[in-house]
Amino acid sequence: MNLNSACLPLFLFLSVAAVALFSFIAVAVWSTERRREREAYYRSETLREITETQNAGSSSAIEFLREEDKISARRRREGLKLAGLITIAVGIALMIFLRSLHDPNARQTFLSGLIPLFIGVVLLVYSLFPAPKQ
């Protein structure tokens, strides 16, 4: 049994697995985007119907849509806070890990942990003080 015949099943398995993985990712992204597109379409149709009718229920429907926008903005802000805190934690952990290596040739390697640390600080500060609306 030579080396080429032993590697062939592994190569075939990895090839099929790679094609299957990327096919799954493509279908998942396509279905997610299609759902988002449908939601946006239904939302715009609802807004169009509300503006055309202008009856007693339209003001409460518009208030509901505004509240929905506030909720999505709050979720986005909370996501930024969480992302900032996670990135700060990664930066601190990276600094501790690189400092513990004690490589005499790389004296200040642990300072590379400042990159994710500062990115996390920026995300956290932006989530606490968002940019003004235009």
Protein backbone atom coordinates (compact mmCIF):
# COMPACT_ATOMS: atom_id res chain seq x y z
CA MET A 1 0.00 0.00 0.00
CA ASN A 2 1.61 3.22 -1.01
CA LEU A 3 1.17 6.67 0.53
CA ASN A 4 -0.97 8.06 -2.31
CA SER A 5 -3.62 5.37 -1.98
CA ALA A 6 -3.81 5.98 1.80
CA CYS A 7 -4.34 9.72 1.38
CA LEU A 8 -7.04 9.41 -1.28
CA PRO A 9 -9.95 8.61 1.11
CA LEU A 10 -8.92 11.45 3.41
CA PHE A 11 -8.71 13.85 0.47
CA LEU A 12 -12.14 12.78 -0.80
CA PHE A 13 -13.68 13.13 2.66
CA LEU A 14 -12.23 16.60 3.18
CA SER A 15 -13.32 17.69 -0.31
CA VAL A 16 -16.90 16.56 0.22
CA ALA A 17 -16.95 18.09 3.72
CA ALA A 18 -15.71 21.44 2.41
CA VAL A 19 -18.33 21.52 -0.37
CA ALA A 20 -21.07 20.55 2.09
CA LEU A 21 -19.99 23.19 4.62
CA PHE A 22 -19.90 26.03 2.13
CA SER A 23 -23.19 24.93 0.57
CA PHE A 24 -24.82 24.97 3.99
CA ILE A 25 -23.41 28.43 4.73
CA ALA A 26 -24.71 29.74 1.39
CA VAL A 27 -28.22 28.38 1.97
CA ALA A 28 -28.29 29.69 5.56
CA VAL A 29 -27.24 33.19 4.51
CA TRP A 30 -29.72 33.18 1.61
CA SER A 31 -32.63 32.15 3.83
CA THR A 32 -31.76 34.73 6.48
CA GLU A 33 -31.59 37.52 3.93
CA ARG A 34 -34.86 36.40 2.36
CA ARG A 35 -36.56 36.53 5.76
CA ARG A 36 -35.20 40.02 6.40
CA GLU A 37 -36.38 41.16 2.99
CA ARG A 38 -39.90 39.83 3.66
CA GLU A 39 -39.99 41.56 7.05
CA ALA A 40 -38.96 44.86 5.47
CA TYR A 41 -41.57 44.46 2.75
CA TYR A 42 -44.37 43.73 5.24
CA ARG A 43 -43.29 46.65 7.39
CA SER A 44 -43.32 49.06 4.46
CA GLU A 45 -46.73 47.76 3.35
CA THR A 46 -48.09 48.27 6.86
CA LEU A 47 -46.76 51.82 6.96
CA ARG A 48 -48.25 52.55 3.55
CA GLU A 49 -51.66 51.28 4.61
CA ILE A 50 -51.53 53.25 7.87
CA THR A 51 -50.71 56.48 6.08
CA GLU A 52 -53.47 55.91 3.53
CA THR A 53 -56.27 55.17 6.02
CA GLN A 54 -55.63 57.83 8.70
CA ASN A 55 -58.28 56.60 11.11
CA ALA A 56 -58.33 56.30 14.92
CA GLY A 57 -56.07 53.24 15.02
CA SER A 58 -53.36 54.77 12.90
CA SER A 59 -51.85 56.84 15.70
CA SER A 60 -51.51 53.80 17.95
CA ALA A 61 -49.99 51.80 15.09
CA ILE A 62 -47.46 54.53 14.40
CA GLU A 63 -46.64 54.68 18.12
CA PHE A 64 -46.14 50.89 18.07
CA LEU A 65 -43.68 51.19 15.18
CA ARG A 66 -41.76 53.95 16.97
CA GLU A 67 -41.57 51.81 20.09
CA GLU A 68 -40.32 48.91 17.98
CA ASP A 69 -37.54 51.17 16.61
CA LYS A 70 -36.58 52.19 20.15
CA ILE A 71 -36.38 48.55 21.19
CA SER A 72 -34.13 47.68 18.25
CA ALA A 73 -31.86 50.66 19.03
CA ARG A 74 -31.64 49.54 22.66
CA ARG A 75 -30.75 45.99 21.58
CA ARG A 76 -28.06 47.34 19.26
CA ARG A 77 -26.62 49.45 22.10
CA GLU A 78 -26.62 46.48 24.48
CA GLY A 79 -24.88 44.39 21.82
CA LEU A 80 -22.18 47.04 21.49
CA LYS A 81 -21.72 47.09 25.26
CA LEU A 82 -21.35 43.32 25.35
CA ALA A 83 -18.94 43.34 22.40
CA GLY A 84 -16.86 46.03 24.10
CA LEU A 85 -16.68 44.15 27.38
CA ILE A 86 -15.74 40.89 25.65
CA THR A 87 -13.02 42.61 23.62
CA ILE A 88 -11.64 44.30 26.75
CA ALA A 89 -11.52 40.92 28.48
CA VAL A 90 -9.71 39.38 25.50
CA GLY A 91 -7.17 42.21 25.52
CA ILE A 92 -6.45 41.84 29.23
CA ALA A 93 -6.22 38.05 28.97
CA LEU A 94 -3.87 38.35 25.99
CA MET A 95 -1.64 40.76 27.89
CA ILE A 96 -1.48 38.41 30.88
CA PHE A 97 -0.79 35.40 28.67
CA LEU A 98 1.97 37.10 26.66
CA ARG A 99 3.53 38.52 29.82
CA SER A 100 3.70 35.04 31.34
CA LEU A 101 5.74 33.65 28.43
CA HIS A 102 8.95 35.31 29.69
CA ASP A 103 10.73 35.37 26.35
CA PRO A 104 13.91 37.43 26.86
CA ASN A 105 14.17 38.28 23.13
CA ALA A 106 10.66 39.77 22.95
CA ARG A 107 10.72 42.29 25.77
CA GLN A 108 7.42 44.11 25.24
CA THR A 109 5.33 41.49 23.45
CA PHE A 110 2.58 41.69 26.03
CA LEU A 111 1.78 45.23 24.87
CA SER A 112 0.16 43.74 21.76
CA GLY A 113 -2.78 42.99 24.07
CA LEU A 114 -3.46 46.72 24.12
CA ILE A 115 -4.90 46.51 20.58
CA PRO A 116 -8.03 44.52 21.49
CA LEU A 117 -8.17 46.32 24.83
CA PHE A 118 -8.45 49.74 23.18
CA ILE A 119 -10.90 48.44 20.57
CA GLY A 120 -13.10 47.22 23.43
CA VAL A 121 -12.84 50.57 25.18
CA VAL A 122 -13.90 52.38 22.01
CA LEU A 123 -16.90 50.03 21.55
CA LEU A 124 -17.93 50.51 25.16
CA VAL A 125 -17.57 54.30 25.05
CA TYR A 126 -19.51 54.49 21.77
CA SER A 127 -22.31 52.40 23.23
CA LEU A 128 -22.52 54.67 26.27
CA PHE A 129 -22.29 57.94 24.30
CA PRO A 130 -23.72 57.32 20.82
CA ALA A 131 -23.20 59.66 17.92
CA PRO A 132 -25.84 62.39 17.63
CA LYS A 133 -28.68 61.72 15.20
CA GLN A 134 -28.56 63.76 12.02
